Amino acid sequence: RDLMHQVKQEEESRVKHNEGLARFSQIVRNHQSDITRLAEESVQFLCKHLGMQQGSLFVADTRSSGEVVLTLQACVAFDRKKWLEKQIYPGQG
């Protein structure tokens, strides 16, 4: 009986994982032409799917001087989109 319970839990986990991957792939397909919208939708979905209260996504941006800067593209906290602007330069953090 314990083995059947364990197998059932593993199967439920596998199904949840596959459904999450399918939905995330759909988000990427639907918003691949707009990086801002893609970032927002991705962070919102991942926070809900993983049960997180907050999340953010930084994108590496190369400046004309060759310096790489991490720029905040999307931020979600407690199921609300946050409009923050943040950049992280090399050596910070």
C-alpha atoms as a PDB file:
ATOM      1  CA  ARG A   1       0.000   0.000   0.000  1.00  0.00           C
ATOM      2  CA  ASP A   2       2.856   2.385   0.811  1.00  0.00           C
ATOM      3  CA  LEU A   3       4.443   1.662  -2.551  1.00  0.00           C
ATOM      4  CA  MET A   4       1.169   2.437  -4.356  1.00  0.00           C
ATOM      5  CA  HIS A   5       0.873   5.724  -2.451  1.00  0.00           C
ATOM      6  CA  GLN A   6       4.440   6.656  -3.360  1.00  0.00           C
ATOM      7  CA  VAL A   7       3.881   5.800  -7.038  1.00  0.00           C
ATOM      8  CA  LYS A   8       0.683   7.891  -7.068  1.00  0.00           C
ATOM      9  CA  GLN A   9       2.519  10.910  -5.598  1.00  0.00           C
ATOM     10  CA  GLU A  10       5.342  10.562  -8.129  1.00  0.00           C
ATOM     11  CA  GLU A  11       2.824  10.375 -10.982  1.00  0.00           C
ATOM     12  CA  GLU A  12       0.978  13.493  -9.740  1.00  0.00           C
ATOM     13  CA  SER A  13       4.283  15.333  -9.510  1.00  0.00           C
ATOM     14  CA  ARG A  14       5.248  14.232 -13.015  1.00  0.00           C
ATOM     15  CA  VAL A  15       1.879  15.351 -14.433  1.00  0.00           C
ATOM     16  CA  LYS A  16       2.140  18.757 -12.712  1.00  0.00           C
ATOM     17  CA  HIS A  17       5.672  19.163 -14.068  1.00  0.00           C
ATOM     18  CA  ASN A  18       4.635  18.302 -17.641  1.00  0.00           C
ATOM     19  CA  GLU A  19       1.584  20.590 -17.531  1.00  0.00           C
ATOM     20  CA  GLY A  20       3.762  23.423 -16.243  1.00  0.00           C
ATOM     21  CA  LEU A  21       6.292  22.917 -19.031  1.00  0.00           C
ATOM     22  CA  ALA A  22       3.525  22.904 -21.634  1.00  0.00           C
ATOM     23  CA  ARG A  23       1.981  26.119 -20.296  1.00  0.00           C
ATOM     24  CA  PHE A  24       5.382  27.823 -20.042  1.00  0.00           C
ATOM     25  CA  SER A  25       6.187  26.809 -23.634  1.00  0.00           C
ATOM     26  CA  GLN A  26       2.876  28.319 -24.721  1.00  0.00           C
ATOM     27  CA  ILE A  27       3.752  31.603 -22.971  1.00  0.00           C
ATOM     28  CA  VAL A  28       7.101  31.692 -24.772  1.00  0.00           C
ATOM     29  CA  ARG A  29       5.474  30.998 -28.155  1.00  0.00           C
ATOM     30  CA  ASN A  30       2.774  33.630 -27.643  1.00  0.00           C
ATOM     31  CA  HIS A  31       5.114  36.427 -26.539  1.00  0.00           C
ATOM     32  CA  GLN A  32       8.422  35.689 -28.263  1.00  0.00           C
ATOM     33  CA  SER A  33       8.335  38.947 -30.241  1.00  0.00           C
ATOM     34  CA  ASP A  34       8.004  41.183 -27.146  1.00  0.00           C
ATOM     35  CA  ILE A  35      10.705  40.648 -24.494  1.00  0.00           C
ATOM     36  CA  THR A  36       8.976  42.866 -21.916  1.00  0.00           C
ATOM     37  CA  ARG A  37       5.664  41.038 -22.164  1.00  0.00           C
ATOM     38  CA  LEU A  38       7.462  37.673 -22.234  1.00  0.00           C
ATOM     39  CA  ALA A  39       9.327  38.534 -19.036  1.00  0.00           C
ATOM     40  CA  GLU A  40       6.163  39.705 -17.259  1.00  0.00           C
ATOM     41  CA  GLU A  41       4.085  36.675 -18.240  1.00  0.00           C
ATOM     42  CA  SER A  42       6.933  34.257 -17.439  1.00  0.00           C
ATOM     43  CA  VAL A  43       7.531  35.627 -13.949  1.00  0.00           C
ATOM     44  CA  GLN A  44       3.811  35.706 -13.158  1.00  0.00           C
ATOM     45  CA  PHE A  45       3.342  32.122 -14.315  1.00  0.00           C
ATOM     46  CA  LEU A  46       6.417  30.786 -12.510  1.00  0.00           C
ATOM     47  CA  CYS A  47       5.443  32.476  -9.254  1.00  0.00           C
ATOM     48  CA  LYS A  48       1.953  30.961  -9.377  1.00  0.00           C
ATOM     49  CA  HIS A  49       3.101  27.535 -10.563  1.00  0.00           C
ATOM     50  CA  LEU A  50       5.880  27.206  -7.999  1.00  0.00           C
ATOM     51  CA  GLY A  51       3.902  28.783  -5.160  1.00  0.00           C
ATOM     52  CA  MET A  52       6.288  31.706  -4.746  1.00  0.00           C
ATOM     53  CA  GLN A  53       5.228  35.009  -3.220  1.00  0.00           C
ATOM     54  CA  GLN A  54       7.632  37.103  -5.248  1.00  0.00           C
ATOM     55  CA  GLY A  55       9.941  36.827  -8.216  1.00  0.00           C
ATOM     56  CA  SER A  56      11.915  38.933 -10.627  1.00  0.00           C
ATOM     57  CA  LEU A  57      13.747  38.499 -13.907  1.00  0.00           C
ATOM     58  CA  PHE A  58      16.931  40.300 -14.876  1.00  0.00           C
ATOM     59  CA  VAL A  59      18.252  40.339 -18.447  1.00  0.00           C
ATOM     60  CA  ALA A  60      21.916  40.827 -19.345  1.00  0.00           C
ATOM     61  CA  ASP A  61      22.314  43.971 -21.458  1.00  0.00           C
ATOM     62  CA  THR A  62      25.578  44.925 -23.192  1.00  0.00           C
ATOM     63  CA  ARG A  63      26.206  48.661 -23.279  1.00  0.00           C
ATOM     64  CA  SER A  64      27.951  50.449 -26.149  1.00  0.00           C
ATOM     65  CA  SER A  65      31.076  50.599 -23.955  1.00  0.00           C
ATOM     66  CA  GLY A  66      31.098  46.788 -23.824  1.00  0.00           C
ATOM     67  CA  GLU A  67      30.031  46.717 -20.177  1.00  0.00           C
ATOM     68  CA  VAL A  68      27.417  44.095 -19.283  1.00  0.00           C
ATOM     69  CA  VAL A  69      24.587  45.312 -17.038  1.00  0.00           C
ATOM     70  CA  LEU A  70      21.752  43.271 -15.545  1.00  0.00           C
ATOM     71  CA  THR A  71      18.462  45.112 -16.115  1.00  0.00           C
ATOM     72  CA  LEU A  72      15.253  44.276 -14.285  1.00  0.00           C
ATOM     73  CA  GLN A  73      12.642  43.258 -16.867  1.00  0.00           C
ATOM     74  CA  ALA A  74       9.818  41.990 -14.659  1.00  0.00           C
ATOM     75  CA  CYS A  75       8.957  41.868 -10.985  1.00  0.00           C
ATOM     76  CA  VAL A  76       5.971  40.269  -9.236  1.00  0.00           C
ATOM     77  CA  ALA A  77       5.190  40.338  -5.520  1.00  0.00           C
ATOM     78  CA  PHE A  78       2.097  38.902  -3.855  1.00  0.00           C
ATOM     79  CA  ASP A  79       0.262  38.384  -7.187  1.00  0.00           C
ATOM     80  CA  ARG A  80       0.767  41.996  -8.270  1.00  0.00           C
ATOM     81  CA  LYS A  81       2.984  43.363 -10.983  1.00  0.00           C
ATOM     82  CA  LYS A  82       5.561  45.793  -9.606  1.00  0.00           C
ATOM     83  CA  TRP A  83       6.887  48.654 -11.707  1.00  0.00           C
ATOM     84  CA  LEU A  84      10.467  48.913 -10.552  1.00  0.00           C
ATOM     85  CA  GLU A  85      13.535  50.027 -12.427  1.00  0.00           C
ATOM     86  CA  LYS A  86      16.828  48.518 -11.373  1.00  0.00           C
ATOM     87  CA  GLN A  87      20.190  47.854 -12.909  1.00  0.00           C
ATOM     88  CA  ILE A  88      23.054  45.872 -11.463  1.00  0.00           C
ATOM     89  CA  TYR A  89      26.536  46.737 -12.664  1.00  0.00           C
ATOM     90  CA  PRO A  90      29.618  44.491 -12.483  1.00  0.00           C
ATOM     91  CA  GLY A  91      30.967  44.344  -8.945  1.00  0.00           C
ATOM     92  CA  GLN A  92      27.679  45.297  -7.299  1.00  0.00           C
ATOM     93  CA  GLY A  93      25.643  43.043  -5.068  1.00  0.00           C
END
